[in-house]
Protein backbone atom coordinates (compact mmCIF):
# COMPACT_ATOMS: atom_id res chain seq x y z
CA MET A 1 0.05 -0.34 -0.06
CA SER A 2 1.42 3.78 -0.96
CA ILE A 3 -0.10 6.63 -0.17
CA GLY A 4 0.06 8.79 -2.92
CA ILE A 5 -1.10 12.59 -3.18
CA THR A 6 -4.17 12.67 -6.96
CA TYR A 7 -6.07 15.67 -7.40
CA GLN A 8 -9.57 15.98 -7.36
CA GLY A 9 -10.98 18.74 -9.27
CA LYS A 10 -8.13 21.43 -7.97
CA LEU A 11 -7.23 20.84 -4.68
CA PRO A 12 -4.67 18.28 -3.32
CA ALA A 13 -6.26 15.16 -2.00
CA LEU A 14 -4.78 11.75 0.09
CA SER A 15 -5.66 8.13 -1.91
CA GLY A 16 -3.97 4.74 -1.70
CA PHE A 17 -5.69 4.16 1.80
CA LYS A 18 -8.63 2.82 2.92
CA HIS A 19 -10.73 6.14 3.62
CA ALA A 20 -8.58 8.65 2.29
CA ASP A 21 -11.41 10.82 0.64
CA LYS A 22 -12.50 11.06 4.29
CA ALA A 23 -8.77 11.74 5.68
CA SER A 24 -7.97 14.40 3.06
CA HIS A 25 -12.05 16.42 4.29
CA ALA A 26 -10.76 16.06 7.73
CA ILE A 27 -7.75 17.74 6.64
CA TYR A 28 -9.40 20.59 4.89
CA GLY A 29 -12.07 21.05 7.87
CA GLY A 30 -9.22 21.33 10.08
CA LEU A 31 -7.46 23.51 7.37
CA ALA A 32 -10.38 25.59 7.23
CA GLY A 33 -10.94 26.33 10.47
CA GLY A 34 -7.70 26.94 11.48
CA VAL A 35 -8.05 30.25 9.60
CA ALA A 36 -11.23 31.15 10.34
CA ALA A 37 -9.46 30.31 14.47
CA ALA A 38 -6.43 32.61 13.40
CA ALA A 39 -9.06 35.71 12.18
CA ALA A 40 -11.91 35.31 15.08
CA HIS A 41 -9.14 35.10 18.06
CA TYR A 42 -7.69 38.52 15.99
CA PHE A 43 -10.73 39.85 16.51
CA GLY A 44 -11.43 38.88 20.29
CA LEU A 45 -14.56 36.72 18.17
CA PRO A 46 -15.45 32.96 20.06
CA VAL A 47 -12.31 30.58 18.08
CA HIS A 48 -14.40 27.71 18.19
CA SER A 49 -17.48 28.69 16.83
CA ALA A 50 -15.63 30.33 14.63
CA ALA A 51 -13.96 26.99 13.51
CA LEU A 52 -16.85 24.78 13.55
CA VAL A 53 -19.34 27.50 11.40
CA ALA A 54 -16.09 27.80 8.89
CA ALA A 55 -15.38 24.04 8.21
CA GLY A 56 -19.43 23.88 7.82
CA VAL A 57 -19.04 26.63 5.16
CA PHE A 58 -16.48 24.98 3.62
CA VAL A 59 -18.33 21.31 3.57
CA PHE A 60 -21.67 22.43 1.78
CA GLY A 61 -19.48 24.73 -0.72
CA LYS A 62 -17.56 22.03 -1.59
CA GLU A 63 -20.31 19.54 -1.64
CA ILE A 64 -22.45 21.60 -3.58
CA TYR A 65 -19.44 21.59 -6.11
CA ASP A 66 -19.92 18.17 -6.09
CA VAL A 67 -22.96 17.84 -7.10
CA GLN A 68 -23.16 20.91 -9.50
CA VAL A 69 -19.83 20.09 -10.75
CA ARG A 70 -18.24 16.58 -10.48
CA LYS A 71 -22.31 14.68 -10.85
CA LYS A 72 -22.16 13.63 -7.55
CA ASP A 73 -23.70 12.36 -4.83
CA TRP A 74 -24.08 14.12 -1.07
CA GLU A 75 -22.53 12.50 0.97
CA GLY A 76 -23.41 13.25 5.08
CA LEU A 77 -19.25 11.32 5.76
CA ASP A 78 -17.69 14.05 3.79
CA ILE A 79 -19.97 16.74 5.62
CA LEU A 80 -19.49 15.33 9.62
CA ALA A 81 -15.68 14.11 8.24
CA THR A 82 -14.63 18.05 7.53
CA ILE A 83 -16.57 19.44 10.51
CA SER A 84 -14.76 16.83 12.53
CA ILE A 85 -11.53 18.51 13.56
CA PRO A 86 -13.34 22.07 14.18
CA LEU A 87 -16.22 19.61 16.08
CA ILE A 88 -13.59 18.11 18.44
CA ALA A 89 -11.58 21.16 19.42
CA LEU A 90 -15.51 23.11 20.80
CA PHE A 91 -16.01 19.65 22.10
CA PHE A 92 -12.16 19.63 24.69
CA LYS A 93 -12.40 23.52 24.47
């Protein structure tokens, strides 16, 4: 088994192992949440909530893109994987 990086559309994604797509979603959700958390901290806003909202907006935009452009169905596990890191951070704050 070799872990690789592929391009699904314009963004890189992990490949080569079971649930690689979900791991990619978690990474992108964490990145979106991290950027939003940093911005929220700078402006004095709730950090964890901003991270969760940003990851949620990101995933819904990605799923709409999948439906409209890639002609794929919505995947509930993609949504859960994308918000998982900000959600865990919110629960353990």
